[in-house]
Amino acid sequence: MGEITTGHYVALSVVLFFIGSVGVLGRKNAITVLMSVELMLNAVNLALLAFSRQWGNHAGQMLAFFVIAVAAVEAAVGLAILVAIFRLRETTNLDDMSTLNE
């Protein structure tokens, strides 16, 4: 078995980001879209940590920590908005949420 290099981490990060972007662009369920956004943020974190490890600099690790904090806030606010809309519309389908003037 060969050594796991930064290229392997970056390739995995690209695959995860692609899966997340397909989930954001192709799904109609709001919960699935939020999970796909989280997957994309985690892919960016993986790339940050891989490059931080390669260069021996801890700045990427600190930036990844802040991205994790922002992702947690985004998930909390997004789910709160989703629960409020679900109470009003009784659906999580994004096509049904396109007009909010009722």
C-alpha atoms as a PDB file:
ATOM      1  CA  MET A   1       0.000   0.000   0.000  1.00  0.00           C
ATOM      2  CA  GLY A   2       1.218   3.465  -0.847  1.00  0.00           C
ATOM      3  CA  GLU A   3       1.331   6.512   1.331  1.00  0.00           C
ATOM      4  CA  ILE A   4      -1.730   8.735   1.503  1.00  0.00           C
ATOM      5  CA  THR A   5      -0.721  12.094   0.081  1.00  0.00           C
ATOM      6  CA  THR A   6      -2.315  15.515  -0.095  1.00  0.00           C
ATOM      7  CA  GLY A   7      -3.548  14.656  -3.587  1.00  0.00           C
ATOM      8  CA  HIS A   8      -5.664  11.853  -2.176  1.00  0.00           C
ATOM      9  CA  TYR A   9      -7.287  14.223   0.319  1.00  0.00           C
ATOM     10  CA  VAL A  10      -7.914  16.823  -2.364  1.00  0.00           C
ATOM     11  CA  ALA A  11      -9.428  14.218  -4.692  1.00  0.00           C
ATOM     12  CA  LEU A  12     -11.767  13.082  -1.919  1.00  0.00           C
ATOM     13  CA  SER A  13     -12.622  16.707  -1.198  1.00  0.00           C
ATOM     14  CA  VAL A  14     -13.479  17.335  -4.865  1.00  0.00           C
ATOM     15  CA  VAL A  15     -15.693  14.229  -4.977  1.00  0.00           C
ATOM     16  CA  LEU A  16     -17.518  15.248  -1.792  1.00  0.00           C
ATOM     17  CA  PHE A  17     -17.982  18.805  -3.048  1.00  0.00           C
ATOM     18  CA  PHE A  18     -19.348  17.507  -6.358  1.00  0.00           C
ATOM     19  CA  ILE A  19     -21.809  15.208  -4.561  1.00  0.00           C
ATOM     20  CA  GLY A  20     -22.929  18.138  -2.406  1.00  0.00           C
ATOM     21  CA  SER A  21     -23.394  20.443  -5.382  1.00  0.00           C
ATOM     22  CA  VAL A  22     -25.444  17.790  -7.207  1.00  0.00           C
ATOM     23  CA  GLY A  23     -27.576  17.509  -4.070  1.00  0.00           C
ATOM     24  CA  VAL A  24     -28.113  21.274  -3.909  1.00  0.00           C
ATOM     25  CA  LEU A  25     -28.909  21.682  -7.588  1.00  0.00           C
ATOM     26  CA  GLY A  26     -30.923  18.523  -8.146  1.00  0.00           C
ATOM     27  CA  ARG A  27     -33.094  18.048  -5.078  1.00  0.00           C
ATOM     28  CA  LYS A  28     -36.450  19.526  -4.186  1.00  0.00           C
ATOM     29  CA  ASN A  29     -36.500  18.652  -0.491  1.00  0.00           C
ATOM     30  CA  ALA A  30     -35.194  21.493   1.683  1.00  0.00           C
ATOM     31  CA  ILE A  31     -33.701  19.157   4.283  1.00  0.00           C
ATOM     32  CA  THR A  32     -31.693  17.351   1.601  1.00  0.00           C
ATOM     33  CA  VAL A  33     -30.464  20.688   0.252  1.00  0.00           C
ATOM     34  CA  LEU A  34     -29.301  21.748   3.727  1.00  0.00           C
ATOM     35  CA  MET A  35     -27.490  18.431   4.180  1.00  0.00           C
ATOM     36  CA  SER A  36     -25.827  18.893   0.790  1.00  0.00           C
ATOM     37  CA  VAL A  37     -24.623  22.367   1.776  1.00  0.00           C
ATOM     38  CA  GLU A  38     -23.126  20.860   4.935  1.00  0.00           C
ATOM     39  CA  LEU A  39     -21.390  18.225   2.802  1.00  0.00           C
ATOM     40  CA  MET A  40     -19.911  20.948   0.617  1.00  0.00           C
ATOM     41  CA  LEU A  41     -18.637  22.844   3.671  1.00  0.00           C
ATOM     42  CA  ASN A  42     -17.063  19.666   5.031  1.00  0.00           C
ATOM     43  CA  ALA A  43     -15.355  19.076   1.676  1.00  0.00           C
ATOM     44  CA  VAL A  44     -13.800  22.533   1.896  1.00  0.00           C
ATOM     45  CA  ASN A  45     -12.705  21.782   5.466  1.00  0.00           C
ATOM     46  CA  LEU A  46     -11.022  18.595   4.311  1.00  0.00           C
ATOM     47  CA  ALA A  47      -9.078  20.501   1.666  1.00  0.00           C
ATOM     48  CA  LEU A  48      -8.094  23.181   4.182  1.00  0.00           C
ATOM     49  CA  LEU A  49      -6.820  20.574   6.621  1.00  0.00           C
ATOM     50  CA  ALA A  50      -4.935  18.685   3.917  1.00  0.00           C
ATOM     51  CA  PHE A  51      -3.104  21.797   2.740  1.00  0.00           C
ATOM     52  CA  SER A  52      -2.478  22.863   6.322  1.00  0.00           C
ATOM     53  CA  ARG A  53      -0.861  19.503   6.997  1.00  0.00           C
ATOM     54  CA  GLN A  54       1.204  19.688   3.804  1.00  0.00           C
ATOM     55  CA  TRP A  55       2.605  23.133   4.514  1.00  0.00           C
ATOM     56  CA  GLY A  56       3.017  22.623   8.264  1.00  0.00           C
ATOM     57  CA  ASN A  57       0.966  25.740   8.982  1.00  0.00           C
ATOM     58  CA  HIS A  58      -1.862  25.820  11.522  1.00  0.00           C
ATOM     59  CA  ALA A  59      -3.735  28.678   9.849  1.00  0.00           C
ATOM     60  CA  GLY A  60      -5.778  26.241   7.746  1.00  0.00           C
ATOM     61  CA  GLN A  61      -6.812  24.376  10.870  1.00  0.00           C
ATOM     62  CA  MET A  62      -7.998  27.587  12.498  1.00  0.00           C
ATOM     63  CA  LEU A  63      -9.925  28.560   9.378  1.00  0.00           C
ATOM     64  CA  ALA A  64     -11.530  25.098   9.272  1.00  0.00           C
ATOM     65  CA  PHE A  65     -12.591  25.570  12.900  1.00  0.00           C
ATOM     66  CA  PHE A  66     -14.365  28.819  11.986  1.00  0.00           C
ATOM     67  CA  VAL A  67     -16.006  27.182   8.964  1.00  0.00           C
ATOM     68  CA  ILE A  68     -17.346  24.458  11.283  1.00  0.00           C
ATOM     69  CA  ALA A  69     -18.753  27.141  13.596  1.00  0.00           C
ATOM     70  CA  VAL A  70     -20.416  28.964  10.688  1.00  0.00           C
ATOM     71  CA  ALA A  71     -21.832  25.664   9.414  1.00  0.00           C
ATOM     72  CA  ALA A  72     -23.364  24.958  12.818  1.00  0.00           C
ATOM     73  CA  VAL A  73     -25.009  28.380  12.895  1.00  0.00           C
ATOM     74  CA  GLU A  74     -26.194  27.950   9.303  1.00  0.00           C
ATOM     75  CA  ALA A  75     -27.760  24.600  10.149  1.00  0.00           C
ATOM     76  CA  ALA A  76     -29.532  25.985  13.228  1.00  0.00           C
ATOM     77  CA  VAL A  77     -30.917  29.050  11.426  1.00  0.00           C
ATOM     78  CA  GLY A  78     -31.812  27.067   8.308  1.00  0.00           C
ATOM     79  CA  LEU A  79     -33.694  24.434  10.286  1.00  0.00           C
ATOM     80  CA  ALA A  80     -35.510  27.118  12.303  1.00  0.00           C
ATOM     81  CA  ILE A  81     -36.654  28.801   9.093  1.00  0.00           C
ATOM     82  CA  LEU A  82     -37.604  25.424   7.644  1.00  0.00           C
ATOM     83  CA  VAL A  83     -39.707  24.539  10.704  1.00  0.00           C
ATOM     84  CA  ALA A  84     -41.496  27.894  10.497  1.00  0.00           C
ATOM     85  CA  ILE A  85     -42.258  27.389   6.808  1.00  0.00           C
ATOM     86  CA  PHE A  86     -43.334  23.787   7.427  1.00  0.00           C
ATOM     87  CA  ARG A  87     -45.837  24.976  10.038  1.00  0.00           C
ATOM     88  CA  LEU A  88     -47.258  27.431   7.521  1.00  0.00           C
ATOM     89  CA  ARG A  89     -47.207  25.273   4.363  1.00  0.00           C
ATOM     90  CA  GLU A  90     -46.996  21.704   5.749  1.00  0.00           C
ATOM     91  CA  THR A  91     -44.353  20.743   3.169  1.00  0.00           C
ATOM     92  CA  THR A  92     -40.585  20.804   2.752  1.00  0.00           C
ATOM     93  CA  ASN A  93     -40.725  20.813  -1.049  1.00  0.00           C
ATOM     94  CA  LEU A  94     -38.780  23.799  -2.382  1.00  0.00           C
ATOM     95  CA  ASP A  95     -41.111  24.270  -5.351  1.00  0.00           C
ATOM     96  CA  ASP A  96     -44.004  24.845  -2.957  1.00  0.00           C
ATOM     97  CA  MET A  97     -41.946  27.380  -0.998  1.00  0.00           C
ATOM     98  CA  SER A  98     -41.166  29.578  -3.986  1.00  0.00           C
ATOM     99  CA  THR A  99     -43.866  32.096  -3.091  1.00  0.00           C
ATOM    100  CA  LEU A 100     -44.026  33.283   0.493  1.00  0.00           C
ATOM    101  CA  ASN A 101     -46.818  35.846   0.233  1.00  0.00           C
ATOM    102  CA  GLU A 102     -49.682  33.823   1.743  1.00  0.00           C
END
